[in-house]
Amino acid sequence: LLRQMYPVPGGVYGIAYDAPRHLAWVTLTARNEVVGFDVR
């Protein structure tokens, strides 16, 4: 099932996951940024 659909403006593209810290890291290419989200 699709459980979540969270808005992330700015050209979200790359993604990686840090399991010990429960963080999803995504890149925003339209803003030249990288953002870490707690996904617990």
PDB file of all heavy atoms in Angstrom:
ATOM      1  N   LEU A   1       0.835  -1.199   0.000  1.00  0.00           N
ATOM      2  CA  LEU A   1       0.000   0.000   0.000  1.00  0.00           C
ATOM      3  C   LEU A   1       0.870   1.249   0.000  1.00  0.00           C
ATOM      4  O   LEU A   1       1.984   1.246   0.538  1.00  0.00           O
ATOM      5  CB  LEU A   1      -0.897   0.046   1.248  1.00  0.00           C
ATOM      6  CG  LEU A   1      -1.997  -1.006   1.393  1.00  0.00           C
ATOM      7  CD1 LEU A   1      -2.630  -0.894   2.773  1.00  0.00           C
ATOM      8  CD2 LEU A   1      -3.048  -0.833   0.308  1.00  0.00           C
ATOM      9  N   LEU A   2       0.350   2.315  -0.588  1.00  0.00           N
ATOM     10  CA  LEU A   2       0.967   3.626  -0.454  1.00  0.00           C
ATOM     11  C   LEU A   2       0.539   4.211   0.878  1.00  0.00           C
ATOM     12  O   LEU A   2      -0.637   4.497   1.093  1.00  0.00           O
ATOM     13  CB  LEU A   2       0.530   4.549  -1.607  1.00  0.00           C
ATOM     14  CG  LEU A   2       0.998   6.009  -1.535  1.00  0.00           C
ATOM     15  CD1 LEU A   2       2.507   6.105  -1.521  1.00  0.00           C
ATOM     16  CD2 LEU A   2       0.418   6.794  -2.712  1.00  0.00           C
ATOM     17  N   ARG A   3       1.496   4.393   1.784  1.00  0.00           N
ATOM     18  CA  ARG A   3       1.189   4.844   3.141  1.00  0.00           C
ATOM     19  C   ARG A   3       1.350   6.355   3.325  1.00  0.00           C
ATOM     20  O   ARG A   3       0.634   6.968   4.101  1.00  0.00           O
ATOM     21  CB  ARG A   3       2.106   4.125   4.144  1.00  0.00           C
ATOM     22  CG  ARG A   3       1.894   2.624   4.225  1.00  0.00           C
ATOM     23  CD  ARG A   3       0.563   2.299   4.854  1.00  0.00           C
ATOM     24  NE  ARG A   3       0.421   0.863   5.098  1.00  0.00           N
ATOM     25  CZ  ARG A   3      -0.641   0.302   5.652  1.00  0.00           C
ATOM     26  NH1 ARG A   3      -1.669   1.058   6.004  1.00  0.00           N
ATOM     27  NH2 ARG A   3      -0.702  -1.000   5.837  1.00  0.00           N
ATOM     28  N   GLN A   4       2.338   6.927   2.645  1.00  0.00           N
ATOM     29  CA  GLN A   4       2.613   8.356   2.828  1.00  0.00           C
ATOM     30  C   GLN A   4       2.951   8.998   1.495  1.00  0.00           C
ATOM     31  O   GLN A   4       3.550   8.361   0.624  1.00  0.00           O
ATOM     32  CB  GLN A   4       3.799   8.559   3.789  1.00  0.00           C
ATOM     33  CG  GLN A   4       3.576   8.051   5.190  1.00  0.00           C
ATOM     34  CD  GLN A   4       4.825   8.182   6.043  1.00  0.00           C
ATOM     35  OE1 GLN A   4       5.832   8.765   5.633  1.00  0.00           O
ATOM     36  NE2 GLN A   4       4.775   7.632   7.244  1.00  0.00           N
ATOM     37  N   MET A   5       2.549  10.264   1.362  1.00  0.00           N
ATOM     38  CA  MET A   5       2.898  11.075   0.202  1.00  0.00           C
ATOM     39  C   MET A   5       3.198  12.469   0.736  1.00  0.00           C
ATOM     40  O   MET A   5       2.296  13.275   0.951  1.00  0.00           O
ATOM     41  CB  MET A   5       1.763  11.098  -0.824  1.00  0.00           C
ATOM     42  CG  MET A   5       2.109  11.826  -2.101  1.00  0.00           C
ATOM     43  SD  MET A   5       0.887  11.522  -3.428  1.00  0.00           S
ATOM     44  CE  MET A   5      -0.642  12.048  -2.655  1.00  0.00           C
ATOM     45  N   TYR A   6       4.494  12.730   0.982  1.00  0.00           N
ATOM     46  CA  TYR A   6       4.902  13.949   1.678  1.00  0.00           C
ATOM     47  C   TYR A   6       5.496  14.954   0.690  1.00  0.00           C
ATOM     48  O   TYR A   6       6.438  14.640  -0.037  1.00  0.00           O
ATOM     49  CB  TYR A   6       5.927  13.603   2.748  1.00  0.00           C
ATOM     50  CG  TYR A   6       6.302  14.765   3.643  1.00  0.00           C
ATOM     51  CD1 TYR A   6       5.464  15.148   4.678  1.00  0.00           C
ATOM     52  CD2 TYR A   6       7.484  15.466   3.439  1.00  0.00           C
ATOM     53  CE1 TYR A   6       5.808  16.211   5.498  1.00  0.00           C
ATOM     54  CE2 TYR A   6       7.823  16.533   4.257  1.00  0.00           C
ATOM     55  CZ  TYR A   6       6.977  16.900   5.274  1.00  0.00           C
ATOM     56  OH  TYR A   6       7.305  17.952   6.086  1.00  0.00           O
ATOM     57  N   PRO A   7       4.970  16.180   0.641  1.00  0.00           N
ATOM     58  CA  PRO A   7       5.483  17.176  -0.306  1.00  0.00           C
ATOM     59  C   PRO A   7       6.940  17.539  -0.023  1.00  0.00           C
ATOM     60  O   PRO A   7       7.295  17.872   1.117  1.00  0.00           O
ATOM     61  CB  PRO A   7       4.574  18.391  -0.081  1.00  0.00           C
ATOM     62  CG  PRO A   7       3.361  17.853   0.609  1.00  0.00           C
ATOM     63  CD  PRO A   7       3.833  16.699   1.434  1.00  0.00           C
ATOM     64  N   VAL A   8       7.769  17.477  -1.059  1.00  0.00           N
ATOM     65  CA  VAL A   8       9.171  17.899  -0.957  1.00  0.00           C
ATOM     66  C   VAL A   8       9.492  18.706  -2.216  1.00  0.00           C
ATOM     67  O   VAL A   8       9.976  18.160  -3.208  1.00  0.00           O
ATOM     68  CB  VAL A   8      10.129  16.696  -0.823  1.00  0.00           C
ATOM     69  CG1 VAL A   8      11.564  17.191  -0.617  1.00  0.00           C
ATOM     70  CG2 VAL A   8       9.723  15.789   0.329  1.00  0.00           C
ATOM     71  N   PRO A   9       9.210  19.995  -2.206  1.00  0.00           N
ATOM     72  CA  PRO A   9       9.479  20.808  -3.391  1.00  0.00           C
ATOM     73  C   PRO A   9      10.973  21.017  -3.602  1.00  0.00           C
ATOM     74  O   PRO A   9      11.767  20.888  -2.674  1.00  0.00           O
ATOM     75  CB  PRO A   9       8.774  22.135  -3.061  1.00  0.00           C
ATOM     76  CG  PRO A   9       8.721  22.184  -1.567  1.00  0.00           C
ATOM     77  CD  PRO A   9       8.592  20.771  -1.110  1.00  0.00           C
ATOM     78  N   GLY A  10      11.332  21.332  -4.844  1.00  0.00           N
ATOM     79  CA  GLY A  10      12.727  21.656  -5.124  1.00  0.00           C
ATOM     80  C   GLY A  10      13.440  20.649  -5.995  1.00  0.00           C
ATOM     81  O   GLY A  10      14.668  20.631  -6.045  1.00  0.00           O
ATOM     82  N   GLY A  11      12.686  19.795  -6.700  1.00  0.00           N
ATOM     83  CA  GLY A  11      13.332  18.841  -7.595  1.00  0.00           C
ATOM     84  C   GLY A  11      13.907  17.640  -6.881  1.00  0.00           C
ATOM     85  O   GLY A  11      15.054  17.247  -7.136  1.00  0.00           O
ATOM     86  N   VAL A  12      13.128  17.025  -6.000  1.00  0.00           N
ATOM     87  CA  VAL A  12      13.609  15.861  -5.255  1.00  0.00           C
ATOM     88  C   VAL A  12      14.017  14.756  -6.229  1.00  0.00           C
ATOM     89  O   VAL A  12      13.319  14.471  -7.193  1.00  0.00           O
ATOM     90  CB  VAL A  12      12.530  15.372  -4.260  1.00  0.00           C
ATOM     91  CG1 VAL A  12      11.258  14.927  -4.961  1.00  0.00           C
ATOM     92  CG2 VAL A  12      13.080  14.279  -3.354  1.00  0.00           C
ATOM     93  N   TYR A  13      15.173  14.131  -5.972  1.00  0.00           N
ATOM     94  CA  TYR A  13      15.677  13.143  -6.934  1.00  0.00           C
ATOM     95  C   TYR A  13      16.423  11.995  -6.245  1.00  0.00           C
ATOM     96  O   TYR A  13      15.890  10.916  -6.076  1.00  0.00           O
ATOM     97  CB  TYR A  13      16.576  13.827  -7.967  1.00  0.00           C
ATOM     98  CG  TYR A  13      17.012  12.896  -9.070  1.00  0.00           C
ATOM     99  CD1 TYR A  13      16.115  12.468 -10.039  1.00  0.00           C
ATOM    100  CD2 TYR A  13      18.325  12.439  -9.150  1.00  0.00           C
ATOM    101  CE1 TYR A  13      16.493  11.591 -11.049  1.00  0.00           C
ATOM    102  CE2 TYR A  13      18.729  11.570 -10.157  1.00  0.00           C
ATOM    103  CZ  TYR A  13      17.814  11.144 -11.099  1.00  0.00           C
ATOM    104  OH  TYR A  13      18.192  10.289 -12.089  1.00  0.00           O
ATOM    105  N   GLY A  14      17.667  12.211  -5.838  1.00  0.00           N
ATOM    106  CA  GLY A  14      18.450  11.140  -5.219  1.00  0.00           C
ATOM    107  C   GLY A  14      17.941  10.812  -3.825  1.00  0.00           C
ATOM    108  O   GLY A  14      17.366  11.654  -3.138  1.00  0.00           O
ATOM    109  N   ILE A  15      18.167   9.546  -3.392  1.00  0.00           N
ATOM    110  CA  ILE A  15      17.705   9.135  -2.071  1.00  0.00           C
ATOM    111  C   ILE A  15      18.635   8.081  -1.495  1.00  0.00           C
ATOM    112  O   ILE A  15      19.175   7.233  -2.220  1.00  0.00           O
ATOM    113  CB  ILE A  15      16.250   8.617  -2.124  1.00  0.00           C
ATOM    114  CG1 ILE A  15      15.725   8.333  -0.712  1.00  0.00           C
ATOM    115  CG2 ILE A  15      16.124   7.400  -3.030  1.00  0.00           C
ATOM    116  CD1 ILE A  15      14.221   8.105  -0.647  1.00  0.00           C
ATOM    117  N   ALA A  16      18.853   8.164  -0.185  1.00  0.00           N
ATOM    118  CA  ALA A  16      19.638   7.179   0.554  1.00  0.00           C
ATOM    119  C   ALA A  16      19.024   7.040   1.933  1.00  0.00           C
ATOM    120  O   ALA A  16      18.325   7.944   2.412  1.00  0.00           O
ATOM    121  CB  ALA A  16      21.099   7.600   0.649  1.00  0.00           C
ATOM    122  N   TYR A  17      19.300   5.916   2.597  1.00  0.00           N
ATOM    123  CA  TYR A  17      18.686   5.661   3.898  1.00  0.00           C
ATOM    124  C   TYR A  17      19.742   5.311   4.932  1.00  0.00           C
ATOM    125  O   TYR A  17      20.583   4.441   4.702  1.00  0.00           O
ATOM    126  CB  TYR A  17      17.659   4.534   3.793  1.00  0.00           C
ATOM    127  CG  TYR A  17      16.941   4.253   5.100  1.00  0.00           C
ATOM    128  CD1 TYR A  17      16.081   5.200   5.658  1.00  0.00           C
ATOM    129  CD2 TYR A  17      17.138   3.051   5.782  1.00  0.00           C
ATOM    130  CE1 TYR A  17      15.443   4.952   6.862  1.00  0.00           C
ATOM    131  CE2 TYR A  17      16.484   2.795   6.977  1.00  0.00           C
ATOM    132  CZ  TYR A  17      15.634   3.745   7.518  1.00  0.00           C
ATOM    133  OH  TYR A  17      15.000   3.503   8.709  1.00  0.00           O
ATOM    134  N   ASP A  18      19.676   5.995   6.068  1.00  0.00           N
ATOM    135  CA  ASP A  18      20.549   5.750   7.220  1.00  0.00           C
ATOM    136  C   ASP A  18      19.740   4.980   8.255  1.00  0.00           C
ATOM    137  O   ASP A  18      18.964   5.564   9.022  1.00  0.00           O
ATOM    138  CB  ASP A  18      21.029   7.091   7.787  1.00  0.00           C
ATOM    139  CG  ASP A  18      21.980   6.941   8.967  1.00  0.00           C
ATOM    140  OD1 ASP A  18      22.118   5.816   9.489  1.00  0.00           O
ATOM    141  OD2 ASP A  18      22.574   7.955   9.379  1.00  0.00           O
ATOM    142  N   ALA A  19      19.895   3.651   8.282  1.00  0.00           N
ATOM    143  CA  ALA A  19      19.062   2.808   9.140  1.00  0.00           C
ATOM    144  C   ALA A  19      19.250   3.080  10.634  1.00  0.00           C
ATOM    145  O   ALA A  19      18.259   3.185  11.365  1.00  0.00           O
ATOM    146  CB  ALA A  19      19.321   1.333   8.831  1.00  0.00           C
ATOM    147  N   PRO A  20      20.481   3.202  11.159  1.00  0.00           N
ATOM    148  CA  PRO A  20      20.620   3.432  12.600  1.00  0.00           C
ATOM    149  C   PRO A  20      19.945   4.714  13.091  1.00  0.00           C
ATOM    150  O   PRO A  20      19.491   4.780  14.232  1.00  0.00           O
ATOM    151  CB  PRO A  20      22.141   3.497  12.806  1.00  0.00           C
ATOM    152  CG  PRO A  20      22.704   2.696  11.677  1.00  0.00           C
ATOM    153  CD  PRO A  20      21.796   3.004  10.523  1.00  0.00           C
ATOM    154  N   ARG A  21      19.871   5.727  12.228  1.00  0.00           N
ATOM    155  CA  ARG A  21      19.302   7.013  12.630  1.00  0.00           C
ATOM    156  C   ARG A  21      17.908   7.240  12.046  1.00  0.00           C
ATOM    157  O   ARG A  21      17.319   8.295  12.253  1.00  0.00           O
ATOM    158  CB  ARG A  21      20.256   8.141  12.201  1.00  0.00           C
ATOM    159  CG  ARG A  21      21.587   8.064  12.931  1.00  0.00           C
ATOM    160  CD  ARG A  21      22.701   8.833  12.230  1.00  0.00           C
ATOM    161  NE  ARG A  21      23.969   8.539  12.853  1.00  0.00           N
ATOM    162  CZ  ARG A  21      24.706   7.447  12.589  1.00  0.00           C
ATOM    163  NH1 ARG A  21      24.289   6.585  11.676  1.00  0.00           N
ATOM    164  NH2 ARG A  21      25.838   7.232  13.223  1.00  0.00           N
ATOM    165  N   HIS A  22      17.409   6.288  11.284  1.00  0.00           N
ATOM    166  CA  HIS A  22      16.065   6.355  10.698  1.00  0.00           C
ATOM    167  C   HIS A  22      15.896   7.589   9.820  1.00  0.00           C
ATOM    168  O   HIS A  22      14.824   8.199   9.774  1.00  0.00           O
ATOM    169  CB  HIS A  22      14.996   6.345  11.795  1.00  0.00           C
ATOM    170  CG  HIS A  22      15.235   5.325  12.862  1.00  0.00           C
ATOM    171  ND1 HIS A  22      15.025   3.988  12.676  1.00  0.00           N
ATOM    172  CD2 HIS A  22      15.711   5.454  14.136  1.00  0.00           C
ATOM    173  CE1 HIS A  22      15.336   3.331  13.774  1.00  0.00           C
ATOM    174  NE2 HIS A  22      15.761   4.184  14.667  1.00  0.00           N
ATOM    175  N   LEU A  23      16.949   7.949   9.097  1.00  0.00           N
ATOM    176  CA  LEU A  23      16.925   9.150   8.273  1.00  0.00           C
ATOM    177  C   LEU A  23      16.921   8.801   6.789  1.00  0.00           C
ATOM    178  O   LEU A  23      17.732   7.985   6.329  1.00  0.00           O
ATOM    179  CB  LEU A  23      18.146  10.029   8.559  1.00  0.00           C
ATOM    180  CG  LEU A  23      18.229  10.692   9.931  1.00  0.00           C
ATOM    181  CD1 LEU A  23      19.575  11.382  10.090  1.00  0.00           C
ATOM    182  CD2 LEU A  23      17.092  11.692  10.111  1.00  0.00           C
ATOM    183  N   ALA A  24      16.014   9.402   6.054  1.00  0.00           N
ATOM    184  CA  ALA A  24      16.031   9.346   4.601  1.00  0.00           C
ATOM    185  C   ALA A  24      16.652  10.648   4.096  1.00  0.00           C
ATOM    186  O   ALA A  24      16.148  11.737   4.397  1.00  0.00           O
ATOM    187  CB  ALA A  24      14.627   9.177   4.042  1.00  0.00           C
ATOM    188  N   TRP A  25      17.732  10.522   3.354  1.00  0.00           N
ATOM    189  CA  TRP A  25      18.396  11.691   2.775  1.00  0.00           C
ATOM    190  C   TRP A  25      17.990  11.814   1.311  1.00  0.00           C
ATOM    191  O   TRP A  25      18.109  10.848   0.549  1.00  0.00           O
ATOM    192  CB  TRP A  25      19.905  11.553   2.883  1.00  0.00           C
ATOM    193  CG  TRP A  25      20.415  11.712   4.283  1.00  0.00           C
ATOM    194  CD1 TRP A  25      20.656  10.740   5.199  1.00  0.00           C
ATOM    195  CD2 TRP A  25      20.731  12.960   4.926  1.00  0.00           C
ATOM    196  NE1 TRP A  25      21.096  11.292   6.380  1.00  0.00           N
ATOM    197  CE2 TRP A  25      21.158  12.652   6.237  1.00  0.00           C
ATOM    198  CE3 TRP A  25      20.701  14.295   4.517  1.00  0.00           C
ATOM    199  CZ2 TRP A  25      21.545  13.637   7.139  1.00  0.00           C
ATOM    200  CZ3 TRP A  25      21.084  15.278   5.409  1.00  0.00           C
ATOM    201  CH2 TRP A  25      21.496  14.945   6.709  1.00  0.00           C
ATOM    202  N   VAL A  26      17.503  12.983   0.917  1.00  0.00           N
ATOM    203  CA  VAL A  26      17.115  13.221  -0.465  1.00  0.00           C
ATOM    204  C   VAL A  26      17.827  14.457  -0.986  1.00  0.00           C
ATOM    205  O   VAL A  26      18.148  15.382  -0.232  1.00  0.00           O
ATOM    206  CB  VAL A  26      15.587  13.395  -0.613  1.00  0.00           C
ATOM    207  CG1 VAL A  26      14.853  12.153  -0.140  1.00  0.00           C
ATOM    208  CG2 VAL A  26      15.087  14.628   0.138  1.00  0.00           C
ATOM    209  N   THR A  27      18.070  14.458  -2.293  1.00  0.00           N
ATOM    210  CA  THR A  27      18.670  15.630  -2.913  1.00  0.00           C
ATOM    211  C   THR A  27      17.609  16.433  -3.649  1.00  0.00           C
ATOM    212  O   THR A  27      16.655  15.873  -4.190  1.00  0.00           O
ATOM    213  CB  THR A  27      19.786  15.243  -3.897  1.00  0.00           C
ATOM    214  OG1 THR A  27      19.240  14.505  -4.987  1.00  0.00           O
ATOM    215  CG2 THR A  27      20.848  14.408  -3.203  1.00  0.00           C
ATOM    216  N   LEU A  28      17.773  17.748  -3.648  1.00  0.00           N
ATOM    217  CA  LEU A  28      16.879  18.671  -4.349  1.00  0.00           C
ATOM    218  C   LEU A  28      17.704  19.374  -5.421  1.00  0.00           C
ATOM    219  O   LEU A  28      18.429  20.330  -5.140  1.00  0.00           O
ATOM    220  CB  LEU A  28      16.270  19.689  -3.381  1.00  0.00           C
ATOM    221  CG  LEU A  28      15.596  19.132  -2.122  1.00  0.00           C
ATOM    222  CD1 LEU A  28      15.018  20.262  -1.282  1.00  0.00           C
ATOM    223  CD2 LEU A  28      14.516  18.126  -2.485  1.00  0.00           C
ATOM    224  N   THR A  29      17.598  18.896  -6.658  1.00  0.00           N
ATOM    225  CA  THR A  29      18.486  19.419  -7.690  1.00  0.00           C
ATOM    226  C   THR A  29      18.097  20.822  -8.149  1.00  0.00           C
ATOM    227  O   THR A  29      18.950  21.576  -8.619  1.00  0.00           O
ATOM    228  CB  THR A  29      18.530  18.466  -8.895  1.00  0.00           C
ATOM    229  OG1 THR A  29      17.232  18.382  -9.490  1.00  0.00           O
ATOM    230  CG2 THR A  29      18.982  17.078  -8.482  1.00  0.00           C
ATOM    231  N   ALA A  30      16.834  21.209  -8.021  1.00  0.00           N
ATOM    232  CA  ALA A  30      16.427  22.556  -8.408  1.00  0.00           C
ATOM    233  C   ALA A  30      16.903  23.605  -7.414  1.00  0.00           C
ATOM    234  O   ALA A  30      16.900  24.800  -7.716  1.00  0.00           O
ATOM    235  CB  ALA A  30      14.906  22.634  -8.553  1.00  0.00           C
ATOM    236  N   ARG A  31      17.319  23.144  -6.223  1.00  0.00           N
ATOM    237  CA  ARG A  31      17.777  24.069  -5.185  1.00  0.00           C
ATOM    238  C   ARG A  31      19.223  23.825  -4.774  1.00  0.00           C
ATOM    239  O   ARG A  31      19.745  24.546  -3.918  1.00  0.00           O
ATOM    240  CB  ARG A  31      16.873  23.956  -3.952  1.00  0.00           C
ATOM    241  CG  ARG A  31      15.428  24.350  -4.189  1.00  0.00           C
ATOM    242  CD  ARG A  31      14.612  24.259  -2.912  1.00  0.00           C
ATOM    243  NE  ARG A  31      13.235  24.695  -3.130  1.00  0.00           N
ATOM    244  CZ  ARG A  31      12.305  24.735  -2.188  1.00  0.00           C
ATOM    245  NH1 ARG A  31      12.610  24.364  -0.941  1.00  0.00           N
ATOM    246  NH2 ARG A  31      11.078  25.144  -2.456  1.00  0.00           N
ATOM    247  N   ASN A  32      19.861  22.793  -5.312  1.00  0.00           N
ATOM    248  CA  ASN A  32      21.205  22.410  -4.879  1.00  0.00           C
ATOM    249  C   ASN A  32      21.242  22.228  -3.362  1.00  0.00           C
ATOM    250  O   ASN A  32      22.045  22.839  -2.648  1.00  0.00           O
ATOM    251  CB  ASN A  32      22.233  23.459  -5.319  1.00  0.00           C
ATOM    252  CG  ASN A  32      22.411  23.500  -6.827  1.00  0.00           C
ATOM    253  OD1 ASN A  32      22.494  22.464  -7.477  1.00  0.00           O
ATOM    254  ND2 ASN A  32      22.434  24.707  -7.373  1.00  0.00           N
ATOM    255  N   GLU A  33      20.380  21.342  -2.870  1.00  0.00           N
ATOM    256  CA  GLU A  33      20.307  21.065  -1.442  1.00  0.00           C
ATOM    257  C   GLU A  33      20.222  19.568  -1.198  1.00  0.00           C
ATOM    258  O   GLU A  33      19.826  18.791  -2.081  1.00  0.00           O
ATOM    259  CB  GLU A  33      19.078  21.738  -0.816  1.00  0.00           C
ATOM    260  CG  GLU A  33      19.146  23.257  -0.769  1.00  0.00           C
ATOM    261  CD  GLU A  33      17.897  23.878  -0.145  1.00  0.00           C
ATOM    262  OE1 GLU A  33      16.842  23.215  -0.135  1.00  0.00           O
ATOM    263  OE2 GLU A  33      17.989  25.023   0.310  1.00  0.00           O
ATOM    264  N   VAL A  34      20.566  19.164   0.023  1.00  0.00           N
ATOM    265  CA  VAL A  34      20.350  17.803   0.492  1.00  0.00           C
ATOM    266  C   VAL A  34      19.637  17.904   1.833  1.00  0.00           C
ATOM    267  O   VAL A  34      19.984  18.737   2.671  1.00  0.00           O
ATOM    268  CB  VAL A  34      21.675  17.019   0.601  1.00  0.00           C
ATOM    269  CG1 VAL A  34      22.657  17.692   1.557  1.00  0.00           C
ATOM    270  CG2 VAL A  34      21.429  15.578   0.999  1.00  0.00           C
ATOM    271  N   VAL A  35      18.591  17.084   2.004  1.00  0.00           N
ATOM    272  CA  VAL A  35      17.717  17.196   3.177  1.00  0.00           C
ATOM    273  C   VAL A  35      17.594  15.827   3.837  1.00  0.00           C
ATOM    274  O   VAL A  35      17.453  14.800   3.156  1.00  0.00           O
ATOM    275  CB  VAL A  35      16.316  17.708   2.781  1.00  0.00           C
ATOM    276  CG1 VAL A  35      15.456  17.941   4.020  1.00  0.00           C
ATOM    277  CG2 VAL A  35      16.424  18.984   1.968  1.00  0.00           C
ATOM    278  N   GLY A  36      17.656  15.827   5.175  1.00  0.00           N
ATOM    279  CA  GLY A  36      17.485  14.599   5.934  1.00  0.00           C
ATOM    280  C   GLY A  36      16.161  14.583   6.670  1.00  0.00           C
ATOM    281  O   GLY A  36      15.858  15.512   7.428  1.00  0.00           O
ATOM    282  N   PHE A  37      15.360  13.530   6.439  1.00  0.00           N
ATOM    283  CA  PHE A  37      14.051  13.383   7.081  1.00  0.00           C
ATOM    284  C   PHE A  37      14.051  12.183   8.022  1.00  0.00           C
ATOM    285  O   PHE A  37      14.478  11.092   7.632  1.00  0.00           O
ATOM    286  CB  PHE A  37      12.941  13.164   6.040  1.00  0.00           C
ATOM    287  CG  PHE A  37      12.642  14.354   5.174  1.00  0.00           C
ATOM    288  CD1 PHE A  37      13.151  14.443   3.894  1.00  0.00           C
ATOM    289  CD2 PHE A  37      11.838  15.382   5.647  1.00  0.00           C
ATOM    290  CE1 PHE A  37      12.864  15.523   3.082  1.00  0.00           C
ATOM    291  CE2 PHE A  37      11.537  16.479   4.842  1.00  0.00           C
ATOM    292  CZ  PHE A  37      12.060  16.557   3.558  1.00  0.00           C
ATOM    293  N   ASP A  38      13.553  12.397   9.231  1.00  0.00           N
ATOM    294  CA  ASP A  38      13.286  11.283  10.142  1.00  0.00           C
ATOM    295  C   ASP A  38      11.979  10.636   9.672  1.00  0.00           C
ATOM    296  O   ASP A  38      10.942  11.297   9.600  1.00  0.00           O
ATOM    297  CB  ASP A  38      13.149  11.800  11.570  1.00  0.00           C
ATOM    298  CG  ASP A  38      13.054  10.691  12.599  1.00  0.00           C
ATOM    299  OD1 ASP A  38      12.413   9.663  12.318  1.00  0.00           O
ATOM    300  OD2 ASP A  38      13.602  10.843  13.698  1.00  0.00           O
ATOM    301  N   VAL A  39      12.032   9.339   9.357  1.00  0.00           N
ATOM    302  CA  VAL A  39      10.861   8.679   8.773  1.00  0.00           C
ATOM    303  C   VAL A  39      10.234   7.654   9.720  1.00  0.00           C
ATOM    304  O   VAL A  39       9.509   6.763   9.298  1.00  0.00           O
ATOM    305  CB  VAL A  39      11.225   8.002   7.428  1.00  0.00           C
ATOM    306  CG1 VAL A  39      11.602   9.051   6.396  1.00  0.00           C
ATOM    307  CG2 VAL A  39      12.342   6.980   7.598  1.00  0.00           C
ATOM    308  N   ARG A  40      10.469   7.813  11.019  1.00  0.00           N
ATOM    309  CA  ARG A  40       9.928   6.837  11.971  1.00  0.00           C
ATOM    310  C   ARG A  40       8.436   6.996  12.207  1.00  0.00           C
ATOM    311  O   ARG A  40       7.748   6.027  12.525  1.00  0.00           O
ATOM    312  CB  ARG A  40      10.660   6.951  13.315  1.00  0.00           C
ATOM    313  CG  ARG A  40      12.040   6.357  13.333  1.00  0.00           C
ATOM    314  CD  ARG A  40      12.736   6.575  14.645  1.00  0.00           C
ATOM    315  NE  ARG A  40      13.104   7.978  14.842  1.00  0.00           N
ATOM    316  CZ  ARG A  40      13.824   8.414  15.876  1.00  0.00           C
ATOM    317  NH1 ARG A  40      14.214   7.570  16.813  1.00  0.00           N
ATOM    318  NH2 ARG A  40      14.157   9.691  15.971  1.00  0.00           N
TER     319      ARG A  40
END
